[in-house]
């Protein structure tokens, strides 16, 4: 795993890097962590090297803060995992917009950091989890992470990815079993991938492809709770 730590407080960045090294000693695969003192310094490097899998971003930095940096990264990269480091608890809502993995409050407790790193590792392992969907005369393999929504109609499901919509001869219950906890039911007959939800209101959710799905009054609280668990590293893993 390649990790970028972006924090203008060198003491905090060094501390986090040292704790990442402690965690890495118990891992089977190599782990590296690079420190960047500003969003601008990271972007300069990132222009040539986009192989980072986890970004640990301080929110309160100089000219470009961590939220702005995350938005810049998300314009071209939906895959990299992003976690925020902050001394203030008021930024969580903005994490919806960039699909934040988690928040760490300063001072960062080692056990909280280790839990985040464990979650990031598990997320990397499951990123390539796929499902095999029966289409007419063939089977289609789709990565779970690529599925954005599933909608039930009279005799079929419509499984939507960023590129296309597939008509599938499955029941919604069968599909839910295949997708496990990555998805939340936003209304009757409609599932949304938590990974792709960027905004939640009382009437709808918006996905990162711009698609809008209705949210029922009955399901609104469950959708919010599922998203908070997802952001905080709960049972979606």
Protein backbone atom coordinates (compact mmCIF):
# COMPACT_ATOMS: atom_id res chain seq x y z
CA UNK A 1 0.00 0.00 0.00
CA UNK A 2 1.27 3.46 -0.93
CA UNK A 3 0.15 6.25 1.40
CA UNK A 4 0.48 10.02 1.04
CA UNK A 5 0.38 12.14 4.20
CA UNK A 6 -0.40 15.79 3.48
CA UNK A 7 -0.11 18.06 6.53
CA UNK A 8 1.55 21.44 6.99
CA UNK A 9 2.35 20.57 10.61
CA UNK A 10 5.59 18.60 10.25
CA UNK A 11 5.43 17.18 13.77
CA UNK A 12 1.96 15.75 13.13
CA UNK A 13 2.99 14.38 9.74
CA UNK A 14 6.11 12.73 11.20
CA UNK A 15 4.06 11.22 14.02
CA UNK A 16 1.49 9.76 11.62
CA UNK A 17 4.24 8.39 9.39
CA UNK A 18 5.90 6.74 12.39
CA UNK A 19 2.63 5.10 13.41
CA UNK A 20 2.06 3.92 9.83
CA UNK A 21 5.49 2.26 10.07
CA UNK A 22 4.44 0.53 13.31
CA UNK A 23 1.28 -0.77 11.62
CA UNK A 24 3.22 -1.81 8.52
CA UNK A 25 5.44 -4.15 10.53
CA UNK A 26 2.47 -6.46 11.05
CA UNK A 27 1.45 -6.57 7.39
CA UNK A 28 2.31 -9.15 4.76
CA UNK A 29 2.57 -6.64 1.91
CA UNK A 30 4.95 -3.65 1.74
CA UNK A 31 3.68 -0.28 2.96
CA UNK A 32 5.27 3.08 2.15
CA UNK A 33 4.29 6.57 3.34
CA UNK A 34 5.40 9.87 1.78
CA UNK A 35 4.98 13.24 3.51
CA UNK A 36 3.90 16.44 1.73
CA UNK A 37 3.83 19.84 3.52
CA UNK A 38 1.03 21.32 1.40
CA UNK A 39 -1.66 20.53 -1.14
CA UNK A 40 0.43 22.21 -3.81
CA UNK A 41 3.47 20.03 -3.03
CA UNK A 42 1.35 16.89 -3.27
CA UNK A 43 -0.27 17.92 -6.56
CA UNK A 44 3.15 18.66 -8.06
CA UNK A 45 4.24 15.09 -7.28
CA UNK A 46 0.85 13.58 -8.13
CA UNK A 47 1.01 14.97 -11.66
CA UNK A 48 3.79 12.47 -12.37
CA UNK A 49 2.97 9.68 -9.91
CA UNK A 50 -0.65 8.66 -9.37
CA UNK A 51 -0.02 5.29 -7.74
CA UNK A 52 -1.06 6.30 -4.22
CA UNK A 53 -3.84 4.17 -2.76
CA UNK A 54 -4.59 6.14 0.42
CA UNK A 55 -4.41 9.88 1.05
CA UNK A 56 -4.33 11.17 4.63
CA UNK A 57 -5.18 14.86 4.25
CA UNK A 58 -5.08 17.58 6.87
CA UNK A 59 -8.13 19.79 6.40
CA UNK A 60 -6.72 23.04 7.78
CA UNK A 61 -3.75 23.84 5.54
CA UNK A 62 -2.58 26.96 3.68
CA UNK A 63 -3.98 28.32 0.43
CA UNK A 64 -5.60 25.02 -0.57
CA UNK A 65 -7.15 23.01 2.26
CA UNK A 66 -7.69 19.26 2.41
CA UNK A 67 -11.30 19.40 1.23
CA UNK A 68 -10.33 21.41 -1.85
CA UNK A 69 -7.43 19.07 -2.53
CA UNK A 70 -9.74 16.05 -2.31
CA UNK A 71 -12.18 17.65 -4.76
CA UNK A 72 -9.32 18.26 -7.19
CA UNK A 73 -8.22 14.62 -6.95
CA UNK A 74 -11.77 13.32 -7.34
CA UNK A 75 -12.20 15.07 -10.68
CA UNK A 76 -9.97 12.46 -12.27
CA UNK A 77 -9.64 9.66 -9.73
CA UNK A 78 -12.61 7.92 -8.11
CA UNK A 79 -10.55 4.99 -6.88
CA UNK A 80 -8.00 6.42 -4.45
CA UNK A 81 -9.10 6.27 -0.82
CA UNK A 82 -9.18 9.57 1.05
CA UNK A 83 -9.25 10.17 4.81
CA UNK A 84 -9.20 13.52 6.56
CA UNK A 85 -7.22 14.60 9.61
CA UNK A 86 -8.75 17.50 11.50
CA UNK A 87 -8.97 19.22 14.84
CA UNK A 88 -12.60 20.18 14.22
CA UNK A 89 -15.66 17.89 14.01
CA UNK A 90 -17.62 20.14 11.64
CA UNK A 91 -16.40 18.92 8.27
CA UNK A 92 -18.03 15.47 8.02
CA UNK A 93 -20.88 16.58 5.76
CA UNK A 94 -18.38 17.69 3.13
CA UNK A 95 -17.02 14.15 3.01
CA UNK A 96 -20.11 13.07 1.06
CA UNK A 97 -18.86 15.07 -1.91
CA UNK A 98 -15.52 13.27 -2.12
CA UNK A 99 -16.50 9.81 -0.80
CA UNK A 100 -14.24 10.15 2.23
CA UNK A 101 -13.20 6.88 3.82
CA UNK A 102 -13.02 8.28 7.34
CA UNK A 103 -12.05 11.18 9.59
CA UNK A 104 -9.30 11.17 12.21
CA UNK A 105 -9.51 13.73 14.99
CA UNK A 106 -6.34 15.40 16.26
CA UNK A 107 -4.50 14.38 18.31
CA UNK A 108 -4.56 11.15 16.31
CA UNK A 109 -4.84 8.08 18.53
CA UNK A 110 -2.75 5.13 17.29
CA UNK A 111 -5.62 2.67 17.62
CA UNK A 112 -7.88 4.93 15.52
CA UNK A 113 -5.20 5.23 12.84
CA UNK A 114 -4.58 1.47 12.85
CA UNK A 115 -8.33 0.83 12.47
CA UNK A 116 -8.40 3.21 9.51
CA UNK A 117 -5.42 1.50 7.89
CA UNK A 118 -7.05 -1.90 8.45
CA UNK A 119 -10.19 -0.62 6.76
CA UNK A 120 -8.25 0.80 3.83
CA UNK A 121 -6.45 -2.51 3.39
CA UNK A 122 -9.74 -4.43 3.39
CA UNK A 123 -11.24 -1.97 0.93
CA UNK A 124 -8.31 -2.50 -1.42
CA UNK A 125 -8.76 -6.25 -1.15
CA UNK A 126 -12.45 -6.06 -2.00
CA UNK A 127 -12.19 -3.44 -4.74
CA UNK A 128 -11.98 -6.16 -7.36
CA UNK A 129 -14.88 -8.17 -5.96
CA UNK A 130 -17.15 -9.02 -8.86
CA UNK A 131 -20.59 -10.46 -9.51
CA UNK A 132 -21.70 -12.62 -12.43
CA UNK A 133 -25.00 -11.42 -13.87
CA UNK A 134 -27.23 -13.48 -16.18
CA UNK A 135 -28.16 -11.63 -19.35
CA UNK A 136 -30.02 -12.96 -22.37
CA UNK A 137 -27.85 -15.75 -23.78
CA UNK A 138 -24.73 -14.79 -21.82
CA UNK A 139 -23.28 -13.94 -18.43
CA UNK A 140 -21.69 -10.61 -17.57
CA UNK A 141 -18.97 -10.10 -14.96
CA UNK A 142 -19.16 -6.71 -13.26
CA UNK A 143 -17.00 -5.27 -10.51
CA UNK A 144 -19.16 -4.41 -7.51
CA UNK A 145 -17.41 -1.06 -7.19
CA UNK A 146 -18.52 -0.16 -10.73
CA UNK A 147 -22.23 -0.74 -10.05
CA UNK A 148 -23.84 2.55 -9.10
CA UNK A 149 -27.48 1.58 -8.68
CA UNK A 150 -29.94 -1.27 -9.06
CA UNK A 151 -33.62 -0.66 -9.86
CA UNK A 152 -36.39 -3.25 -9.93
CA UNK A 153 -39.04 -3.28 -12.64
CA UNK A 154 -41.87 -5.75 -13.37
CA UNK A 155 -39.80 -8.62 -14.72
CA UNK A 156 -36.19 -7.48 -14.57
CA UNK A 157 -33.59 -5.35 -12.82
CA UNK A 158 -31.70 -2.46 -14.33
CA UNK A 159 -28.09 -2.46 -13.14
CA UNK A 160 -26.44 0.88 -13.86
CA UNK A 161 -22.71 1.55 -14.18
CA UNK A 162 -20.99 4.75 -15.31
CA UNK A 163 -20.96 3.45 -18.89
CA UNK A 164 -24.23 1.60 -19.44
CA UNK A 165 -27.41 0.02 -18.09
CA UNK A 166 -27.85 -3.77 -18.04
CA UNK A 167 -31.22 -5.59 -17.92
CA UNK A 168 -30.85 -8.57 -15.60
CA UNK A 169 -33.20 -11.48 -14.93
CA UNK A 170 -32.82 -11.57 -11.15
CA UNK A 171 -34.98 -10.60 -8.20
CA UNK A 172 -33.96 -7.67 -6.07
CA UNK A 173 -33.51 -10.01 -3.10
CA UNK A 174 -31.10 -12.18 -5.10
CA UNK A 175 -29.16 -9.10 -6.16
CA UNK A 176 -28.97 -7.78 -2.60
CA UNK A 177 -27.43 -11.07 -1.50
CA UNK A 178 -24.74 -10.77 -4.16
CA UNK A 179 -23.91 -7.16 -3.31
CA UNK A 180 -23.81 -7.61 0.48
CA UNK A 181 -23.43 -4.38 2.50
CA UNK A 182 -22.01 -2.10 -0.16
CA UNK A 183 -25.51 -0.92 -1.08
CA UNK A 184 -28.42 0.73 0.71
CA UNK A 185 -32.11 0.62 -0.16
CA UNK A 186 -33.14 4.24 -0.85
CA UNK A 187 -36.75 3.45 -1.72
CA UNK A 188 -38.89 0.47 -2.64
CA UNK A 189 -37.16 -1.48 -5.40
CA UNK A 190 -34.06 0.72 -5.60
CA UNK A 191 -30.51 0.19 -4.30
CA UNK A 192 -27.68 2.72 -4.38
CA UNK A 193 -23.97 2.02 -4.00
CA UNK A 194 -22.72 3.86 -0.89
CA UNK A 195 -19.40 4.32 -2.64
CA UNK A 196 -21.06 6.49 -5.31
CA UNK A 197 -23.47 8.59 -3.21
CA UNK A 198 -22.27 12.19 -3.10
CA UNK A 199 -25.34 13.95 -1.68
CA UNK A 200 -28.33 12.97 0.46
CA UNK A 201 -31.49 15.04 0.92
CA UNK A 202 -34.86 14.17 2.39
CA UNK A 203 -36.26 13.46 -1.06
CA UNK A 204 -33.37 12.04 -3.10
CA UNK A 205 -29.76 10.92 -3.28
CA UNK A 206 -27.38 12.11 -5.97
CA UNK A 207 -24.74 9.76 -7.35
CA UNK A 208 -21.33 10.83 -8.60
CA UNK A 209 -22.46 10.18 -12.20
CA UNK A 210 -25.15 12.84 -11.75
CA UNK A 211 -28.02 10.36 -11.48
CA UNK A 212 -30.72 11.23 -8.94
CA UNK A 213 -32.64 8.50 -7.11
CA UNK A 214 -35.71 9.10 -4.92
CA UNK A 215 -35.47 8.54 -1.17
CA UNK A 216 -38.64 7.45 0.60
CA UNK A 217 -39.59 9.03 3.91
CA UNK A 218 -39.43 5.58 5.47
CA UNK A 219 -35.87 4.95 4.26
CA UNK A 220 -34.32 8.40 4.81
CA UNK A 221 -32.92 7.71 8.28
CA UNK A 222 -31.59 4.30 7.26
CA UNK A 223 -29.79 5.84 4.27
CA UNK A 224 -28.12 8.44 6.48
CA UNK A 225 -27.11 5.85 9.06
CA UNK A 226 -25.68 3.56 6.38
CA UNK A 227 -23.64 6.41 4.91
CA UNK A 228 -22.30 7.44 8.32
CA UNK A 229 -21.26 3.85 9.03
CA UNK A 230 -19.61 3.73 5.62
CA UNK A 231 -17.67 6.94 6.26
CA UNK A 232 -16.72 5.89 9.77
CA UNK A 233 -15.64 2.40 8.79
CA UNK A 234 -18.65 0.46 10.01
CA UNK A 235 -20.31 -2.72 8.86
CA UNK A 236 -20.00 -2.11 5.13
CA UNK A 237 -16.67 -3.88 5.42
